[in-house]
């Protein structure tokens, strides 16, 4: 069976999604919007035509590198194998175009980009597309997941597995201790302040002389 390979120019329409298969193979996908541009001779200007939507899927090293390279709205070129999936939704037949990507890059006709080699993949040939190629190559294919991806996934799993911390009990406030007597003062049994109220040192009418 012949396979159709295409190169499509468009814009990233969604954030790049990332997950792993049951065998631990990285996978990433995003929606690509391809809008036709044509010259309107009557209006003498370029206008937008219809927009075609394609789901782009990437595997292994390409999937990992997409996360740190693409953002929603970026202009990109995607090259890979074209597939058209069809299914029945009740009595309605639906279809969706997908590209199993081999290469993805920024469209430099609309901006600039700086390339950085990924750790562990320089000089190595990319693996085959799709789950079959991923499973066949797998870890033996030499594709290395960057450390920051591994750390982020481990931190997310640790937070999900950690038990909820019990609520802290309120700490009762400490009772006030006895107040120290100032120099020259003596304790008074009664008074407005109750037991323990201190008499003054004889100034004005607050001292011991006022009580006599």
N, C-alpha and C. Protein backbone atom coordinates (compact mmCIF):
# COMPACT_ATOMS: atom_id res chain seq x y z
N UNK A 1 0.85 -1.20 0.00
CA UNK A 1 0.00 0.00 0.00
C UNK A 1 0.88 1.24 0.00
N UNK A 2 0.63 2.15 -0.95
CA UNK A 2 1.41 3.38 -1.03
C UNK A 2 0.96 4.35 0.05
N UNK A 3 1.91 5.08 0.61
CA UNK A 3 1.63 6.06 1.65
C UNK A 3 1.82 7.45 1.08
N UNK A 4 1.00 8.38 1.55
CA UNK A 4 1.06 9.76 1.08
C UNK A 4 1.85 10.60 2.08
N UNK A 5 2.95 11.19 1.62
CA UNK A 5 3.74 12.09 2.45
C UNK A 5 3.50 13.52 1.98
N UNK A 6 3.25 14.40 2.92
CA UNK A 6 2.90 15.78 2.58
C UNK A 6 3.74 16.73 3.42
N UNK A 7 3.83 17.96 2.95
CA UNK A 7 4.41 19.07 3.71
C UNK A 7 3.36 20.16 3.76
N UNK A 8 3.00 20.57 4.97
CA UNK A 8 1.91 21.51 5.18
C UNK A 8 2.44 22.74 5.92
N UNK A 9 1.99 23.91 5.50
CA UNK A 9 2.35 25.17 6.14
C UNK A 9 1.11 25.71 6.85
N UNK A 10 1.26 26.10 8.09
CA UNK A 10 0.11 26.62 8.83
C UNK A 10 0.54 27.19 10.17
N UNK A 11 -0.45 27.34 11.06
CA UNK A 11 -0.21 27.89 12.39
C UNK A 11 -0.66 26.90 13.45
N UNK A 12 0.10 26.85 14.53
CA UNK A 12 -0.27 25.99 15.67
C UNK A 12 -1.53 26.57 16.30
N UNK A 13 -2.60 25.78 16.33
CA UNK A 13 -3.89 26.28 16.81
C UNK A 13 -4.18 25.94 18.26
N UNK A 14 -3.44 25.02 18.85
CA UNK A 14 -3.64 24.62 20.25
C UNK A 14 -2.28 24.48 20.93
N UNK A 15 -2.30 24.44 22.26
CA UNK A 15 -1.07 24.13 22.97
C UNK A 15 -0.68 22.68 22.69
N UNK A 16 0.61 22.42 22.71
CA UNK A 16 1.10 21.07 22.43
C UNK A 16 0.76 20.16 23.62
N UNK A 17 0.06 19.06 23.34
CA UNK A 17 -0.25 18.08 24.38
C UNK A 17 0.83 17.02 24.45
N UNK A 18 1.14 16.56 25.69
CA UNK A 18 2.20 15.56 25.87
C UNK A 18 1.69 14.45 26.77
N UNK A 19 1.99 13.22 26.40
CA UNK A 19 1.67 12.06 27.24
C UNK A 19 2.60 10.93 26.84
N UNK A 20 2.49 9.81 27.56
CA UNK A 20 3.30 8.65 27.28
C UNK A 20 2.40 7.43 27.09
N UNK A 21 2.83 6.51 26.24
CA UNK A 21 2.09 5.27 26.06
C UNK A 21 2.33 4.35 27.25
N UNK A 22 1.63 3.22 27.27
CA UNK A 22 1.81 2.27 28.36
C UNK A 22 3.24 1.74 28.41
N UNK A 23 3.93 1.74 27.28
CA UNK A 23 5.31 1.30 27.24
C UNK A 23 6.31 2.40 27.54
N UNK A 24 5.83 3.62 27.89
CA UNK A 24 6.73 4.72 28.22
C UNK A 24 7.25 5.50 27.04
N UNK A 25 6.59 5.38 25.88
CA UNK A 25 7.04 6.09 24.68
C UNK A 25 6.42 7.48 24.65
N UNK A 26 7.23 8.56 24.55
CA UNK A 26 6.67 9.92 24.50
C UNK A 26 5.84 10.15 23.25
N UNK A 27 4.75 10.91 23.42
CA UNK A 27 3.87 11.25 22.30
C UNK A 27 3.38 12.67 22.51
N UNK A 28 3.34 13.45 21.44
CA UNK A 28 2.84 14.83 21.48
C UNK A 28 1.93 15.07 20.29
N UNK A 29 0.96 15.96 20.47
CA UNK A 29 0.08 16.29 19.35
C UNK A 29 -0.43 17.73 19.49
N UNK A 30 -0.87 18.29 18.38
CA UNK A 30 -1.46 19.62 18.36
C UNK A 30 -2.30 19.76 17.10
N UNK A 31 -3.16 20.76 17.10
CA UNK A 31 -4.00 21.05 15.94
C UNK A 31 -3.31 22.13 15.10
N UNK A 32 -3.33 21.91 13.80
CA UNK A 32 -2.70 22.82 12.85
C UNK A 32 -3.77 23.42 11.95
N UNK A 33 -3.79 24.75 11.86
CA UNK A 33 -4.72 25.44 10.98
C UNK A 33 -4.00 25.93 9.73
N UNK A 34 -4.50 25.54 8.58
CA UNK A 34 -3.88 25.92 7.30
C UNK A 34 -4.88 26.79 6.54
N UNK A 35 -4.58 28.08 6.45
CA UNK A 35 -5.48 29.03 5.80
C UNK A 35 -4.93 29.42 4.43
N UNK A 36 -5.77 29.30 3.44
CA UNK A 36 -5.37 29.65 2.07
C UNK A 36 -5.24 31.18 1.94
N UNK A 37 -4.18 31.60 1.25
CA UNK A 37 -3.98 33.03 0.93
C UNK A 37 -4.02 33.18 -0.59
N UNK A 38 -4.88 34.06 -1.05
CA UNK A 38 -5.00 34.26 -2.49
C UNK A 38 -5.12 35.76 -2.79
N UNK A 39 -4.74 36.11 -4.00
CA UNK A 39 -4.77 37.52 -4.40
C UNK A 39 -6.10 37.84 -5.08
N UNK A 40 -6.81 38.82 -4.52
CA UNK A 40 -8.09 39.26 -5.07
C UNK A 40 -7.80 40.38 -6.08
N UNK A 41 -7.99 40.09 -7.38
CA UNK A 41 -7.67 41.07 -8.40
C UNK A 41 -8.64 42.25 -8.40
N UNK A 42 -9.88 42.02 -8.03
CA UNK A 42 -10.84 43.12 -8.00
C UNK A 42 -10.51 44.10 -6.87
N UNK A 43 -10.16 43.58 -5.71
CA UNK A 43 -9.83 44.45 -4.57
C UNK A 43 -8.35 44.82 -4.54
N UNK A 44 -7.55 44.11 -5.37
CA UNK A 44 -6.11 44.36 -5.46
C UNK A 44 -5.43 44.22 -4.10
N UNK A 45 -5.69 43.11 -3.44
CA UNK A 45 -5.05 42.83 -2.16
C UNK A 45 -5.13 41.33 -1.89
N UNK A 46 -4.32 40.88 -0.92
CA UNK A 46 -4.34 39.47 -0.52
C UNK A 46 -5.43 39.26 0.51
N UNK A 47 -6.18 38.17 0.36
CA UNK A 47 -7.28 37.86 1.28
C UNK A 47 -7.13 36.41 1.74
N UNK A 48 -7.78 36.10 2.88
CA UNK A 48 -7.78 34.74 3.41
C UNK A 48 -8.89 33.93 2.77
N UNK A 49 -8.56 32.69 2.45
CA UNK A 49 -9.57 31.76 1.97
C UNK A 49 -10.05 30.87 3.10
N UNK A 50 -10.44 29.65 2.77
CA UNK A 50 -10.90 28.71 3.78
C UNK A 50 -9.75 28.16 4.60
N UNK A 51 -10.08 27.66 5.79
CA UNK A 51 -9.09 27.09 6.70
C UNK A 51 -9.30 25.59 6.82
N UNK A 52 -8.24 24.83 6.63
CA UNK A 52 -8.26 23.39 6.80
C UNK A 52 -7.60 23.04 8.14
N UNK A 53 -8.19 22.10 8.86
CA UNK A 53 -7.67 21.72 10.17
C UNK A 53 -7.09 20.32 10.12
N UNK A 54 -5.88 20.19 10.68
CA UNK A 54 -5.17 18.91 10.67
C UNK A 54 -4.65 18.64 12.08
N UNK A 55 -4.73 17.39 12.50
CA UNK A 55 -4.13 16.98 13.77
C UNK A 55 -2.74 16.43 13.50
N UNK A 56 -1.73 17.00 14.16
CA UNK A 56 -0.34 16.58 13.98
C UNK A 56 0.07 15.75 15.19
N UNK A 57 0.62 14.57 14.93
CA UNK A 57 1.08 13.67 15.99
C UNK A 57 2.57 13.40 15.81
N UNK A 58 3.31 13.43 16.91
CA UNK A 58 4.75 13.19 16.87
C UNK A 58 5.11 12.19 17.96
N UNK A 59 6.22 11.47 17.76
CA UNK A 59 6.64 10.41 18.68
C UNK A 59 8.09 10.58 19.07
N UNK A 60 8.43 10.02 20.23
CA UNK A 60 9.80 9.90 20.74
C UNK A 60 10.51 11.25 20.80
N UNK A 61 11.70 11.37 20.22
CA UNK A 61 12.49 12.59 20.38
C UNK A 61 11.77 13.81 19.81
N UNK A 62 11.11 13.64 18.68
CA UNK A 62 10.38 14.77 18.09
C UNK A 62 9.27 15.23 19.02
N UNK A 63 8.58 14.30 19.67
CA UNK A 63 7.51 14.66 20.61
C UNK A 63 8.07 15.46 21.78
N UNK A 64 9.20 15.04 22.31
CA UNK A 64 9.80 15.74 23.45
C UNK A 64 10.26 17.14 23.06
N UNK A 65 10.85 17.26 21.88
CA UNK A 65 11.37 18.56 21.45
C UNK A 65 10.26 19.55 21.10
N UNK A 66 9.09 19.04 20.71
CA UNK A 66 7.99 19.94 20.39
C UNK A 66 7.55 20.75 21.61
N UNK A 67 7.62 20.14 22.78
CA UNK A 67 7.13 20.81 23.99
C UNK A 67 7.91 22.09 24.26
N UNK A 68 9.20 22.04 24.13
CA UNK A 68 10.01 23.22 24.40
C UNK A 68 10.21 24.13 23.22
N UNK A 69 9.57 23.85 22.08
CA UNK A 69 9.83 24.63 20.87
C UNK A 69 8.61 25.36 20.33
N UNK A 70 7.41 24.80 20.49
CA UNK A 70 6.23 25.38 19.86
C UNK A 70 5.29 25.99 20.89
N UNK A 71 4.65 27.07 20.48
CA UNK A 71 3.61 27.72 21.27
C UNK A 71 2.40 27.96 20.37
N UNK A 72 1.27 28.17 20.98
CA UNK A 72 0.05 28.42 20.23
C UNK A 72 0.23 29.68 19.37
N UNK A 73 -0.09 29.57 18.08
CA UNK A 73 0.04 30.68 17.15
C UNK A 73 1.29 30.68 16.32
N UNK A 74 2.27 29.83 16.63
CA UNK A 74 3.52 29.80 15.86
C UNK A 74 3.28 29.37 14.42
N UNK A 75 3.93 30.02 13.45
CA UNK A 75 3.87 29.55 12.06
C UNK A 75 4.87 28.41 11.87
N UNK A 76 4.43 27.29 11.32
CA UNK A 76 5.27 26.11 11.23
C UNK A 76 5.11 25.42 9.88
N UNK A 77 6.09 24.57 9.58
CA UNK A 77 6.01 23.64 8.46
C UNK A 77 6.05 22.24 9.03
N UNK A 78 5.14 21.38 8.58
CA UNK A 78 5.05 20.02 9.08
C UNK A 78 5.17 19.07 7.90
N UNK A 79 6.06 18.09 8.02
CA UNK A 79 6.23 17.09 6.97
C UNK A 79 6.03 15.72 7.59
N UNK A 80 5.22 14.89 6.93
CA UNK A 80 4.99 13.55 7.46
C UNK A 80 3.99 12.78 6.63
N UNK A 81 3.52 11.70 7.23
CA UNK A 81 2.61 10.79 6.54
C UNK A 81 1.17 11.23 6.78
N UNK A 82 0.41 11.37 5.71
CA UNK A 82 -0.98 11.81 5.80
C UNK A 82 -1.91 10.61 5.97
N UNK A 83 -2.83 10.76 6.94
CA UNK A 83 -3.85 9.74 7.16
C UNK A 83 -5.21 10.43 7.27
N UNK A 84 -6.23 9.78 6.81
CA UNK A 84 -7.60 10.26 6.95
C UNK A 84 -8.38 9.21 7.71
N UNK A 85 -8.81 9.56 8.91
CA UNK A 85 -9.57 8.63 9.75
C UNK A 85 -11.07 8.90 9.57
N UNK A 86 -11.83 7.85 9.46
CA UNK A 86 -13.28 7.96 9.29
C UNK A 86 -13.97 7.12 10.36
N UNK A 87 -15.11 7.62 10.85
CA UNK A 87 -15.90 6.89 11.84
C UNK A 87 -17.35 7.33 11.74
N UNK A 88 -18.21 6.53 12.33
CA UNK A 88 -19.64 6.83 12.34
C UNK A 88 -20.03 7.44 13.68
N UNK A 89 -20.70 8.58 13.61
CA UNK A 89 -21.25 9.23 14.79
C UNK A 89 -22.77 9.15 14.68
N UNK A 90 -23.30 8.06 15.23
CA UNK A 90 -24.72 7.79 14.98
C UNK A 90 -24.92 7.36 13.54
N UNK A 91 -25.66 8.17 12.79
CA UNK A 91 -25.86 7.89 11.37
C UNK A 91 -25.02 8.82 10.50
N UNK A 92 -24.18 9.63 11.13
CA UNK A 92 -23.36 10.59 10.38
C UNK A 92 -21.95 10.05 10.26
N UNK A 93 -21.43 10.02 9.07
CA UNK A 93 -20.05 9.62 8.83
C UNK A 93 -19.14 10.85 8.94
N UNK A 94 -18.17 10.75 9.80
CA UNK A 94 -17.24 11.86 10.01
C UNK A 94 -15.83 11.43 9.63
N UNK A 95 -14.99 12.42 9.38
CA UNK A 95 -13.60 12.14 9.01
C UNK A 95 -12.68 13.21 9.59
N UNK A 96 -11.42 12.85 9.74
CA UNK A 96 -10.43 13.79 10.27
C UNK A 96 -9.09 13.50 9.63
N UNK A 97 -8.42 14.57 9.18
CA UNK A 97 -7.09 14.42 8.59
C UNK A 97 -6.03 14.49 9.68
N UNK A 98 -5.06 13.58 9.61
CA UNK A 98 -3.97 13.54 10.58
C UNK A 98 -2.65 13.43 9.84
N UNK A 99 -1.62 14.00 10.45
CA UNK A 99 -0.26 13.88 9.91
C UNK A 99 0.61 13.24 10.97
N UNK A 100 1.19 12.08 10.63
CA UNK A 100 2.18 11.43 11.50
C UNK A 100 3.52 12.08 11.17
N UNK A 101 3.92 13.05 11.98
CA UNK A 101 5.03 13.94 11.61
C UNK A 101 6.37 13.25 11.65
N UNK A 102 7.20 13.56 10.67
CA UNK A 102 8.61 13.19 10.65
C UNK A 102 9.50 14.38 10.98
N UNK A 103 9.07 15.57 10.55
CA UNK A 103 9.83 16.79 10.81
C UNK A 103 8.86 17.94 11.04
N UNK A 104 9.23 18.83 11.97
CA UNK A 104 8.45 20.03 12.25
C UNK A 104 9.43 21.18 12.46
N UNK A 105 9.15 22.32 11.85
CA UNK A 105 10.03 23.47 12.01
C UNK A 105 9.25 24.77 11.88
N UNK A 106 9.86 25.86 12.35
CA UNK A 106 9.24 27.17 12.23
C UNK A 106 9.33 27.66 10.78
N UNK A 107 8.32 28.40 10.37
CA UNK A 107 8.29 29.00 9.04
C UNK A 107 9.09 30.30 9.09
N UNK A 108 10.31 30.27 8.57
CA UNK A 108 11.21 31.42 8.67
C UNK A 108 10.88 32.52 7.67
N UNK A 109 9.86 32.35 6.83
CA UNK A 109 9.43 33.47 6.00
C UNK A 109 8.68 34.52 6.82
N UNK A 110 8.27 34.15 8.03
CA UNK A 110 7.51 35.08 8.87
C UNK A 110 8.20 35.42 10.18
N UNK A 111 9.41 34.97 10.38
CA UNK A 111 10.12 35.31 11.62
C UNK A 111 11.45 34.60 11.68
N UNK A 112 12.10 34.68 12.83
CA UNK A 112 13.40 34.06 13.03
C UNK A 112 13.29 33.03 14.15
N UNK A 113 14.26 32.12 14.18
CA UNK A 113 14.29 31.06 15.19
C UNK A 113 15.74 30.70 15.47
N UNK A 114 16.03 30.27 16.69
CA UNK A 114 17.39 29.87 17.08
C UNK A 114 17.37 28.38 17.40
N UNK A 115 18.24 27.61 16.73
CA UNK A 115 18.26 26.17 16.90
C UNK A 115 19.21 25.79 18.04
N UNK A 116 18.79 24.81 18.85
CA UNK A 116 19.63 24.26 19.92
C UNK A 116 19.60 22.74 19.82
N UNK A 117 20.77 22.12 19.89
CA UNK A 117 20.83 20.67 19.87
C UNK A 117 20.21 20.12 21.15
N UNK A 118 19.38 19.07 21.02
CA UNK A 118 18.83 18.40 22.20
C UNK A 118 19.87 17.46 22.77
N UNK A 119 19.87 17.34 24.10
CA UNK A 119 20.85 16.47 24.76
C UNK A 119 20.65 15.02 24.35
N UNK A 120 21.72 14.38 23.89
CA UNK A 120 21.68 12.96 23.61
C UNK A 120 21.21 12.56 22.24
N UNK A 121 20.85 13.51 21.37
CA UNK A 121 20.35 13.13 20.05
C UNK A 121 21.20 13.67 18.92
N UNK A 122 22.25 14.43 19.20
CA UNK A 122 23.06 14.99 18.12
C UNK A 122 23.80 13.88 17.38
N UNK A 123 23.67 13.91 16.06
CA UNK A 123 24.37 12.93 15.23
C UNK A 123 23.64 11.60 15.09
N UNK A 124 22.46 11.46 15.73
CA UNK A 124 21.71 10.21 15.63
C UNK A 124 20.55 10.38 14.66
N UNK A 125 20.27 9.34 13.92
CA UNK A 125 19.17 9.42 12.96
C UNK A 125 17.85 9.28 13.69
N UNK A 126 16.81 10.02 13.26
CA UNK A 126 15.51 9.92 13.92
C UNK A 126 14.88 8.56 13.69
N UNK A 127 14.05 8.14 14.66
CA UNK A 127 13.36 6.86 14.53
C UNK A 127 12.15 6.98 13.64
N UNK A 128 11.54 5.86 13.35
CA UNK A 128 10.37 5.84 12.49
C UNK A 128 9.17 6.46 13.17
N UNK A 129 8.22 6.95 12.42
CA UNK A 129 7.05 7.59 13.00
C UNK A 129 6.07 6.55 13.53
N UNK A 130 5.19 7.01 14.40
CA UNK A 130 4.08 6.20 14.85
C UNK A 130 4.44 5.23 15.95
N UNK A 131 3.43 4.61 16.54
CA UNK A 131 3.66 3.69 17.64
C UNK A 131 4.52 2.50 17.26
N UNK A 132 4.36 1.98 16.03
CA UNK A 132 5.12 0.80 15.64
C UNK A 132 6.61 1.11 15.65
N UNK A 133 6.98 2.24 15.01
CA UNK A 133 8.39 2.61 15.02
C UNK A 133 8.88 2.94 16.40
N UNK A 134 8.01 3.53 17.22
CA UNK A 134 8.41 3.89 18.57
C UNK A 134 8.67 2.65 19.40
N UNK A 135 7.77 1.65 19.30
CA UNK A 135 7.94 0.46 20.10
C UNK A 135 9.15 -0.34 19.63
N UNK A 136 9.38 -0.35 18.32
CA UNK A 136 10.51 -1.11 17.79
C UNK A 136 11.82 -0.48 18.22
N UNK A 137 11.89 0.87 18.17
CA UNK A 137 13.11 1.53 18.59
C UNK A 137 13.17 1.64 20.09
N UNK A 138 12.10 2.24 20.67
CA UNK A 138 11.98 2.36 22.12
C UNK A 138 13.22 2.93 22.75
N UNK A 139 13.60 2.37 23.88
CA UNK A 139 14.81 2.81 24.57
C UNK A 139 16.05 2.39 23.79
N UNK A 140 15.96 1.29 23.04
CA UNK A 140 17.12 0.86 22.29
C UNK A 140 17.44 1.80 21.15
N UNK A 141 16.48 2.62 20.74
CA UNK A 141 16.71 3.54 19.64
C UNK A 141 17.61 4.69 20.01
N UNK A 142 17.91 4.85 21.30
CA UNK A 142 18.82 5.89 21.73
C UNK A 142 18.20 7.24 21.91
N UNK A 143 16.86 7.36 21.83
CA UNK A 143 16.21 8.65 22.01
C UNK A 143 16.19 8.98 23.49
N UNK A 144 16.66 10.15 23.85
CA UNK A 144 16.80 10.54 25.24
C UNK A 144 15.82 11.64 25.59
N UNK A 145 15.10 11.45 26.69
CA UNK A 145 14.18 12.47 27.17
C UNK A 145 14.97 13.48 28.00
N UNK A 146 14.86 14.78 27.74
CA UNK A 146 15.60 15.78 28.52
C UNK A 146 15.29 15.69 30.00
N UNK A 147 16.27 16.07 30.82
CA UNK A 147 16.14 15.95 32.27
C UNK A 147 14.99 16.78 32.82
N UNK A 148 14.71 17.97 32.23
CA UNK A 148 13.65 18.81 32.78
C UNK A 148 12.28 18.18 32.55
N UNK A 149 12.13 17.39 31.46
CA UNK A 149 10.87 16.69 31.24
C UNK A 149 10.72 15.58 32.29
N UNK A 150 11.80 14.83 32.54
CA UNK A 150 11.75 13.75 33.53
C UNK A 150 11.44 14.30 34.91
N UNK A 151 12.09 15.42 35.29
CA UNK A 151 11.86 16.01 36.60
C UNK A 151 10.42 16.49 36.76
N UNK A 152 9.88 17.12 35.70
CA UNK A 152 8.50 17.62 35.78
C UNK A 152 7.51 16.47 35.94
N UNK A 153 7.71 15.37 35.20
CA UNK A 153 6.80 14.23 35.31
C UNK A 153 6.91 13.57 36.67
N UNK A 154 8.14 13.44 37.22
CA UNK A 154 8.31 12.84 38.53
C UNK A 154 7.67 13.70 39.62
N UNK A 155 7.81 15.04 39.50
CA UNK A 155 7.21 15.92 40.49
C UNK A 155 5.69 15.83 40.45
N UNK A 156 5.12 15.74 39.23
CA UNK A 156 3.66 15.64 39.10
C UNK A 156 3.15 14.33 39.70
N UNK A 157 3.89 13.21 39.49
CA UNK A 157 3.48 11.94 40.07
C UNK A 157 3.60 11.94 41.58
N UNK A 158 4.65 12.62 42.11
CA UNK A 158 4.85 12.67 43.56
C UNK A 158 3.73 13.45 44.23
N UNK A 159 3.30 14.56 43.61
CA UNK A 159 2.22 15.36 44.18
C UNK A 159 0.91 14.57 44.16
N UNK A 160 0.67 13.83 43.08
CA UNK A 160 -0.57 13.06 42.99
C UNK A 160 -0.59 11.91 43.99
N UNK A 161 0.58 11.32 44.30
CA UNK A 161 0.64 10.17 45.20
C UNK A 161 0.73 10.57 46.66
N UNK A 162 1.10 11.82 46.97
CA UNK A 162 1.29 12.24 48.35
C UNK A 162 -0.05 12.33 49.07
N UNK A 163 -0.15 11.78 50.33
CA UNK A 163 -1.41 11.90 51.09
C UNK A 163 -1.65 13.33 51.52
N UNK A 164 -2.92 13.67 51.70
CA UNK A 164 -3.26 15.02 52.14
C UNK A 164 -2.79 15.24 53.57
N UNK A 165 -2.19 16.40 53.85
CA UNK A 165 -1.69 16.72 55.18
C UNK A 165 -2.85 16.99 56.12
N UNK A 166 -2.80 16.45 57.39
CA UNK A 166 -3.89 16.71 58.35
C UNK A 166 -3.93 18.17 58.75
N UNK A 167 -5.14 18.64 59.07
CA UNK A 167 -5.28 20.03 59.48
C UNK A 167 -4.61 20.26 60.81
N UNK A 168 -3.92 21.36 60.95
CA UNK A 168 -3.21 21.68 62.19
C UNK A 168 -4.19 22.08 63.28
N UNK A 169 -3.97 21.56 64.53
CA UNK A 169 -4.82 21.90 65.66
C UNK A 169 -4.48 23.29 66.17
N UNK A 170 -5.47 24.06 66.63
CA UNK A 170 -5.17 25.40 67.15
C UNK A 170 -4.38 25.31 68.45
N UNK A 171 -3.41 26.18 68.60
CA UNK A 171 -2.57 26.22 69.80
C UNK A 171 -3.19 27.20 70.78
N UNK A 172 -3.54 26.74 72.03
CA UNK A 172 -4.14 27.67 73.00
C UNK A 172 -3.17 28.75 73.41
N UNK A 173 -3.72 29.95 73.61
CA UNK A 173 -2.89 31.07 74.04
C UNK A 173 -2.45 30.88 75.48
N UNK A 174 -1.21 31.25 75.78
CA UNK A 174 -0.67 31.12 77.14
C UNK A 174 -1.32 32.14 78.06
N UNK A 175 -1.63 31.67 79.31
CA UNK A 175 -2.23 32.57 80.30
C UNK A 175 -1.21 33.59 80.77
N UNK A 176 -1.62 34.85 80.98
CA UNK A 176 -0.66 35.86 81.44
C UNK A 176 -0.15 35.55 82.84
N UNK A 177 1.12 35.70 83.07
CA UNK A 177 1.73 35.44 84.37
C UNK A 177 1.59 36.63 85.32
N UNK A 178 1.98 36.46 86.58
CA UNK A 178 1.89 37.56 87.56
C UNK A 178 2.82 38.70 87.19
N UNK A 179 2.36 39.93 87.44
CA UNK A 179 3.17 41.09 87.12
C UNK A 179 4.16 41.37 88.25
N UNK A 180 5.31 41.82 87.88
CA UNK A 180 6.35 42.13 88.87
C UNK A 180 6.02 43.45 89.57
N UNK A 181 6.34 43.53 90.89
CA UNK A 181 6.11 44.76 91.65
C UNK A 181 7.16 45.80 91.30
N UNK A 182 6.74 47.06 91.05
CA UNK A 182 7.74 48.09 90.83
C UNK A 182 8.42 48.44 92.15
N UNK A 183 9.57 49.08 92.11
CA UNK A 183 10.29 49.45 93.35
C UNK A 183 9.40 50.36 94.23
N UNK A 184 9.31 50.05 95.53
CA UNK A 184 8.56 50.85 96.49
C UNK A 184 7.09 50.57 96.54
N UNK A 185 6.57 49.58 95.76
CA UNK A 185 5.13 49.29 95.76
C UNK A 185 4.85 48.07 96.61
N UNK A 186 3.61 47.96 97.11
CA UNK A 186 3.19 46.80 97.89
C UNK A 186 1.84 46.31 97.36
N UNK A 187 1.53 44.99 97.49
CA UNK A 187 0.27 44.46 96.98
C UNK A 187 -0.92 44.96 97.77
N UNK A 188 -2.09 45.09 97.10
CA UNK A 188 -3.33 45.54 97.72
C UNK A 188 -4.34 44.41 97.54
N UNK A 189 -5.07 44.08 98.62
CA UNK A 189 -6.00 42.95 98.56
C UNK A 189 -7.19 43.22 97.67
N UNK A 190 -7.76 44.41 97.67
CA UNK A 190 -8.94 44.72 96.88
C UNK A 190 -8.67 45.77 95.86
N UNK A 191 -9.72 46.50 95.44
CA UNK A 191 -9.54 47.59 94.48
C UNK A 191 -10.16 47.27 93.16
N UNK A 192 -10.14 48.25 92.27
CA UNK A 192 -10.78 48.06 90.96
C UNK A 192 -10.18 46.93 90.17
N UNK A 193 -8.87 46.72 90.34
CA UNK A 193 -8.23 45.66 89.55
C UNK A 193 -8.32 44.31 90.18
N UNK A 194 -8.98 44.16 91.38
CA UNK A 194 -9.11 42.87 92.01
C UNK A 194 -7.83 42.50 92.72
N UNK A 195 -7.71 41.28 93.19
CA UNK A 195 -6.49 40.83 93.88
C UNK A 195 -5.27 40.98 92.99
N UNK A 196 -4.23 41.43 93.58
CA UNK A 196 -2.99 41.60 92.83
C UNK A 196 -2.83 42.97 92.25
N UNK A 197 -3.79 43.91 92.40
CA UNK A 197 -3.65 45.26 91.87
C UNK A 197 -2.60 45.97 92.70
N UNK A 198 -1.73 46.68 92.04
CA UNK A 198 -0.59 47.29 92.70
C UNK A 198 -0.88 48.75 93.05
N UNK A 199 -0.46 49.17 94.28
CA UNK A 199 -0.56 50.58 94.68
C UNK A 199 0.61 51.33 94.14
N UNK A 200 0.44 52.63 93.97
CA UNK A 200 1.51 53.45 93.42
C UNK A 200 2.60 53.70 94.42
N UNK A 201 3.54 54.53 94.06
CA UNK A 201 4.71 54.79 94.88
C UNK A 201 4.59 56.07 95.66
N UNK A 202 3.34 56.62 95.82
CA UNK A 202 3.16 57.79 96.65
C UNK A 202 3.04 59.07 95.89
N UNK A 203 2.88 58.98 94.54
CA UNK A 203 2.75 60.19 93.75
C UNK A 203 1.28 60.56 93.64
N UNK A 204 0.96 61.84 93.78
CA UNK A 204 -0.42 62.33 93.65
C UNK A 204 -1.29 61.69 94.72
N UNK A 205 -2.45 61.18 94.34
CA UNK A 205 -3.34 60.54 95.28
C UNK A 205 -3.41 59.05 95.12
N UNK A 206 -2.38 58.39 94.41
CA UNK A 206 -2.44 56.98 94.11
C UNK A 206 -1.56 56.15 95.03
N UNK A 207 -0.82 56.76 95.90
CA UNK A 207 0.15 56.02 96.70
C UNK A 207 -0.47 55.51 98.00
N UNK A 208 0.35 54.91 98.88
CA UNK A 208 -0.14 54.38 100.16
C UNK A 208 -0.74 55.46 101.03
N UNK A 209 -0.24 56.74 100.96
CA UNK A 209 -0.77 57.79 101.78
C UNK A 209 -2.24 58.05 101.48
N UNK A 210 -2.67 57.85 100.24
CA UNK A 210 -4.07 58.10 99.87
C UNK A 210 -4.97 57.03 100.45
N UNK A 211 -4.45 55.82 100.70
CA UNK A 211 -5.28 54.77 101.25
C UNK A 211 -5.48 54.95 102.73
N UNK A 212 -4.57 55.66 103.47
CA UNK A 212 -4.70 55.85 104.90
C UNK A 212 -5.81 56.80 105.22
